[in-house]
Amino acid sequence: MSADDVPLGPIDYLVVEFPSDARFDGSALAHLRDLVERDVIAVLDLAFVRRDAEKVVAIDITELGLDGDIDVSLFAEAASGLIGDDDLAEAAGILEPGHAAATIVYDNRWAAPFVGALNRTAVQVVASGRIPVADFLAALDR
């Protein structure tokens, strides 16, 4: 099977910051795992980085200090190669010293059949974007 045979949805990314004093209970990972198991998304890459006072350090998911009994194996293996060192350095550049970040690249599997149907008829998605939630809420308040 080639890459052309695999229907893909739009590919998105998120950078999520973890303050140094935050306790991460893993509930967000449980929701992420649910989205993957229901084939809503596919996590293509998941990488963690911490910004120290002088440097940027790549960290393993097990170094986040997760509370509870959370199986992170699904996420530990997500590495398509889309996230490079430059991407991690850029993500770390927006962090406060001592904070960590997760960079997640994911395929919107829910949209793959729609995009595939468009492509089969020579129609294609030529742009996509994201509207920040704060902007949407501000527009509702007008």
C-alpha atoms as a PDB file:
ATOM      1  CA  MET A   1       0.000   0.000   0.000  1.00  0.00           C
ATOM      2  CA  SER A   2       1.436   3.386  -0.973  1.00  0.00           C
ATOM      3  CA  ALA A   3       0.852   6.739   0.690  1.00  0.00           C
ATOM      4  CA  ASP A   4      -1.548   7.544  -2.181  1.00  0.00           C
ATOM      5  CA  ASP A   5      -3.766   4.609  -1.139  1.00  0.00           C
ATOM      6  CA  VAL A   6      -4.225   5.821   2.439  1.00  0.00           C
ATOM      7  CA  PRO A   7      -7.010   8.390   2.722  1.00  0.00           C
ATOM      8  CA  LEU A   8      -5.927  11.309   4.875  1.00  0.00           C
ATOM      9  CA  GLY A   9      -7.846  14.146   6.395  1.00  0.00           C
ATOM     10  CA  PRO A  10      -6.363  17.556   7.103  1.00  0.00           C
ATOM     11  CA  ILE A  11      -3.182  17.339   9.188  1.00  0.00           C
ATOM     12  CA  ASP A  12      -3.098  19.660  12.218  1.00  0.00           C
ATOM     13  CA  TYR A  13      -0.813  20.301  15.141  1.00  0.00           C
ATOM     14  CA  LEU A  14      -1.098  21.590  18.680  1.00  0.00           C
ATOM     15  CA  VAL A  15       1.528  22.795  21.128  1.00  0.00           C
ATOM     16  CA  VAL A  16       0.395  22.318  24.736  1.00  0.00           C
ATOM     17  CA  GLU A  17       2.319  23.941  27.614  1.00  0.00           C
ATOM     18  CA  PHE A  18       2.799  22.300  31.004  1.00  0.00           C
ATOM     19  CA  PRO A  19       3.721  24.766  33.758  1.00  0.00           C
ATOM     20  CA  SER A  20       6.496  23.519  36.023  1.00  0.00           C
ATOM     21  CA  ASP A  21       4.161  23.337  39.026  1.00  0.00           C
ATOM     22  CA  ALA A  22       1.256  21.649  37.213  1.00  0.00           C
ATOM     23  CA  ARG A  23       0.146  18.157  38.178  1.00  0.00           C
ATOM     24  CA  PHE A  24      -0.757  16.270  35.048  1.00  0.00           C
ATOM     25  CA  ASP A  25      -3.423  13.714  35.888  1.00  0.00           C
ATOM     26  CA  GLY A  26      -3.530  12.134  32.438  1.00  0.00           C
ATOM     27  CA  SER A  27      -7.209  12.883  31.826  1.00  0.00           C
ATOM     28  CA  ALA A  28      -6.348  14.715  28.605  1.00  0.00           C
ATOM     29  CA  LEU A  29      -4.414  11.673  27.389  1.00  0.00           C
ATOM     30  CA  ALA A  30      -7.470   9.525  28.090  1.00  0.00           C
ATOM     31  CA  HIS A  31      -9.531  11.809  25.837  1.00  0.00           C
ATOM     32  CA  LEU A  32      -6.824  11.761  23.167  1.00  0.00           C
ATOM     33  CA  ARG A  33      -6.709   7.957  23.318  1.00  0.00           C
ATOM     34  CA  ASP A  34     -10.519   7.849  22.967  1.00  0.00           C
ATOM     35  CA  LEU A  35     -10.335   9.991  19.809  1.00  0.00           C
ATOM     36  CA  VAL A  36      -7.718   7.625  18.366  1.00  0.00           C
ATOM     37  CA  GLU A  37      -9.666   4.487  19.290  1.00  0.00           C
ATOM     38  CA  ARG A  38     -12.824   5.893  17.675  1.00  0.00           C
ATOM     39  CA  ASP A  39     -10.773   6.743  14.531  1.00  0.00           C
ATOM     40  CA  VAL A  40     -11.622  10.450  14.824  1.00  0.00           C
ATOM     41  CA  ILE A  41      -7.919  11.307  14.648  1.00  0.00           C
ATOM     42  CA  ALA A  42      -4.628   9.505  14.189  1.00  0.00           C
ATOM     43  CA  VAL A  43      -1.677  10.821  16.204  1.00  0.00           C
ATOM     44  CA  LEU A  44       1.208  11.016  13.754  1.00  0.00           C
ATOM     45  CA  ASP A  45       3.779  12.601  16.050  1.00  0.00           C
ATOM     46  CA  LEU A  46       3.950  13.395  19.728  1.00  0.00           C
ATOM     47  CA  ALA A  47       7.105  14.963  21.113  1.00  0.00           C
ATOM     48  CA  PHE A  48       7.893  16.600  24.437  1.00  0.00           C
ATOM     49  CA  VAL A  49      10.384  19.313  25.232  1.00  0.00           C
ATOM     50  CA  ARG A  50      11.346  21.289  28.329  1.00  0.00           C
ATOM     51  CA  ARG A  51      12.831  24.751  28.371  1.00  0.00           C
ATOM     52  CA  ASP A  52      15.459  25.254  31.031  1.00  0.00           C
ATOM     53  CA  ALA A  53      17.051  28.630  31.740  1.00  0.00           C
ATOM     54  CA  GLU A  54      19.837  28.055  29.215  1.00  0.00           C
ATOM     55  CA  LYS A  55      18.753  25.239  26.904  1.00  0.00           C
ATOM     56  CA  VAL A  56      15.993  23.188  25.327  1.00  0.00           C
ATOM     57  CA  VAL A  57      15.817  19.529  26.341  1.00  0.00           C
ATOM     58  CA  ALA A  58      13.801  16.794  24.628  1.00  0.00           C
ATOM     59  CA  ILE A  59      12.014  14.679  27.224  1.00  0.00           C
ATOM     60  CA  ASP A  60      10.242  11.342  27.227  1.00  0.00           C
ATOM     61  CA  ILE A  61       6.512  11.153  28.005  1.00  0.00           C
ATOM     62  CA  THR A  62       7.365   9.136  31.112  1.00  0.00           C
ATOM     63  CA  GLU A  63       9.277  12.155  32.502  1.00  0.00           C
ATOM     64  CA  LEU A  64       6.114  14.267  32.765  1.00  0.00           C
ATOM     65  CA  GLY A  65       5.200  12.981  36.212  1.00  0.00           C
ATOM     66  CA  LEU A  66       1.832  11.536  35.228  1.00  0.00           C
ATOM     67  CA  ASP A  67      -0.468  10.718  38.093  1.00  0.00           C
ATOM     68  CA  GLY A  68      -2.508   7.542  38.060  1.00  0.00           C
ATOM     69  CA  ASP A  69      -2.314   4.384  36.007  1.00  0.00           C
ATOM     70  CA  ILE A  70      -2.026   5.640  32.424  1.00  0.00           C
ATOM     71  CA  ASP A  71      -0.847   3.501  29.507  1.00  0.00           C
ATOM     72  CA  VAL A  72       1.201   5.856  27.342  1.00  0.00           C
ATOM     73  CA  SER A  73       2.434   3.215  24.879  1.00  0.00           C
ATOM     74  CA  LEU A  74       0.085   4.447  22.123  1.00  0.00           C
ATOM     75  CA  PHE A  75       1.667   7.871  22.334  1.00  0.00           C
ATOM     76  CA  ALA A  76       5.255   6.822  22.997  1.00  0.00           C
ATOM     77  CA  GLU A  77       5.401   5.261  19.538  1.00  0.00           C
ATOM     78  CA  ALA A  78       3.886   8.202  17.607  1.00  0.00           C
ATOM     79  CA  ALA A  79       6.820   9.399  15.522  1.00  0.00           C
ATOM     80  CA  SER A  80       6.274   9.907  11.791  1.00  0.00           C
ATOM     81  CA  GLY A  81       9.222  12.274  11.499  1.00  0.00           C
ATOM     82  CA  LEU A  82       7.136  15.360  10.798  1.00  0.00           C
ATOM     83  CA  ILE A  83       8.379  17.072  13.969  1.00  0.00           C
ATOM     84  CA  GLY A  84      12.029  18.027  13.697  1.00  0.00           C
ATOM     85  CA  ASP A  85      14.517  19.603  16.075  1.00  0.00           C
ATOM     86  CA  ASP A  86      13.738  23.058  14.647  1.00  0.00           C
ATOM     87  CA  ASP A  87      10.030  22.546  15.393  1.00  0.00           C
ATOM     88  CA  LEU A  88      10.776  21.545  18.982  1.00  0.00           C
ATOM     89  CA  ALA A  89      13.109  24.519  19.423  1.00  0.00           C
ATOM     90  CA  GLU A  90      10.391  26.834  18.092  1.00  0.00           C
ATOM     91  CA  ALA A  91       7.826  25.333  20.461  1.00  0.00           C
ATOM     92  CA  ALA A  92      10.238  25.657  23.391  1.00  0.00           C
ATOM     93  CA  GLY A  93      10.929  29.271  22.443  1.00  0.00           C
ATOM     94  CA  ILE A  94       7.417  30.292  23.463  1.00  0.00           C
ATOM     95  CA  LEU A  95       7.631  28.548  26.845  1.00  0.00           C
ATOM     96  CA  GLU A  96       8.504  30.033  30.189  1.00  0.00           C
ATOM     97  CA  PRO A  97      11.768  28.656  31.636  1.00  0.00           C
ATOM     98  CA  GLY A  98      11.102  25.442  33.538  1.00  0.00           C
ATOM     99  CA  HIS A  99       7.940  24.670  31.587  1.00  0.00           C
ATOM    100  CA  ALA A 100       7.446  21.747  29.220  1.00  0.00           C
ATOM    101  CA  ALA A 101       5.415  21.344  26.049  1.00  0.00           C
ATOM    102  CA  ALA A 102       3.868  18.571  24.018  1.00  0.00           C
ATOM    103  CA  THR A 103       3.759  19.012  20.263  1.00  0.00           C
ATOM    104  CA  ILE A 104       1.087  16.827  18.688  1.00  0.00           C
ATOM    105  CA  VAL A 105       0.677  16.315  14.930  1.00  0.00           C
ATOM    106  CA  TYR A 106      -2.533  14.524  14.012  1.00  0.00           C
ATOM    107  CA  ASP A 107      -4.566  13.449  11.019  1.00  0.00           C
ATOM    108  CA  ASN A 108      -8.236  14.409  11.168  1.00  0.00           C
ATOM    109  CA  ARG A 109      -9.473  10.914  10.245  1.00  0.00           C
ATOM    110  CA  TRP A 110     -13.116  12.010  10.472  1.00  0.00           C
ATOM    111  CA  ALA A 111     -12.551  14.187   7.376  1.00  0.00           C
ATOM    112  CA  ALA A 112     -10.665  11.597   5.290  1.00  0.00           C
ATOM    113  CA  PRO A 113     -13.759  10.131   3.536  1.00  0.00           C
ATOM    114  CA  PHE A 114     -14.987  13.643   2.680  1.00  0.00           C
ATOM    115  CA  VAL A 115     -11.594  14.750   1.328  1.00  0.00           C
ATOM    116  CA  GLY A 116     -11.210  11.448  -0.551  1.00  0.00           C
ATOM    117  CA  ALA A 117     -14.601  11.909  -2.220  1.00  0.00           C
ATOM    118  CA  LEU A 118     -13.634  15.435  -3.241  1.00  0.00           C
ATOM    119  CA  ASN A 119     -10.311  14.273  -4.666  1.00  0.00           C
ATOM    120  CA  ARG A 120     -11.970  11.510  -6.723  1.00  0.00           C
ATOM    121  CA  THR A 121     -14.036  14.179  -8.505  1.00  0.00           C
ATOM    122  CA  ALA A 122     -11.025  16.464  -9.153  1.00  0.00           C
ATOM    123  CA  VAL A 123     -12.220  18.830  -6.437  1.00  0.00           C
ATOM    124  CA  GLN A 124      -9.608  19.560  -3.819  1.00  0.00           C
ATOM    125  CA  VAL A 125      -9.193  21.383  -0.559  1.00  0.00           C
ATOM    126  CA  VAL A 126      -6.941  24.348  -1.366  1.00  0.00           C
ATOM    127  CA  ALA A 127      -6.816  26.041   2.029  1.00  0.00           C
ATOM    128  CA  SER A 128      -7.585  25.333   5.631  1.00  0.00           C
ATOM    129  CA  GLY A 129      -7.049  27.182   8.855  1.00  0.00           C
ATOM    130  CA  ARG A 130      -7.977  27.477  12.437  1.00  0.00           C
ATOM    131  CA  ILE A 131      -9.982  30.158  14.198  1.00  0.00           C
ATOM    132  CA  PRO A 132      -8.779  30.648  17.781  1.00  0.00           C
ATOM    133  CA  VAL A 133     -11.520  29.922  20.327  1.00  0.00           C
ATOM    134  CA  ALA A 134     -11.015  33.372  21.889  1.00  0.00           C
ATOM    135  CA  ASP A 135     -11.765  34.999  18.513  1.00  0.00           C
ATOM    136  CA  PHE A 136     -14.911  32.902  18.078  1.00  0.00           C
ATOM    137  CA  LEU A 137     -16.152  33.784  21.571  1.00  0.00           C
ATOM    138  CA  ALA A 138     -15.396  37.464  20.967  1.00  0.00           C
ATOM    139  CA  ALA A 139     -17.426  37.358  17.739  1.00  0.00           C
ATOM    140  CA  LEU A 140     -20.380  35.855  19.636  1.00  0.00           C
ATOM    141  CA  ASP A 141     -20.257  38.692  22.156  1.00  0.00           C
ATOM    142  CA  ARG A 142     -20.676  41.380  19.474  1.00  0.00           C
END
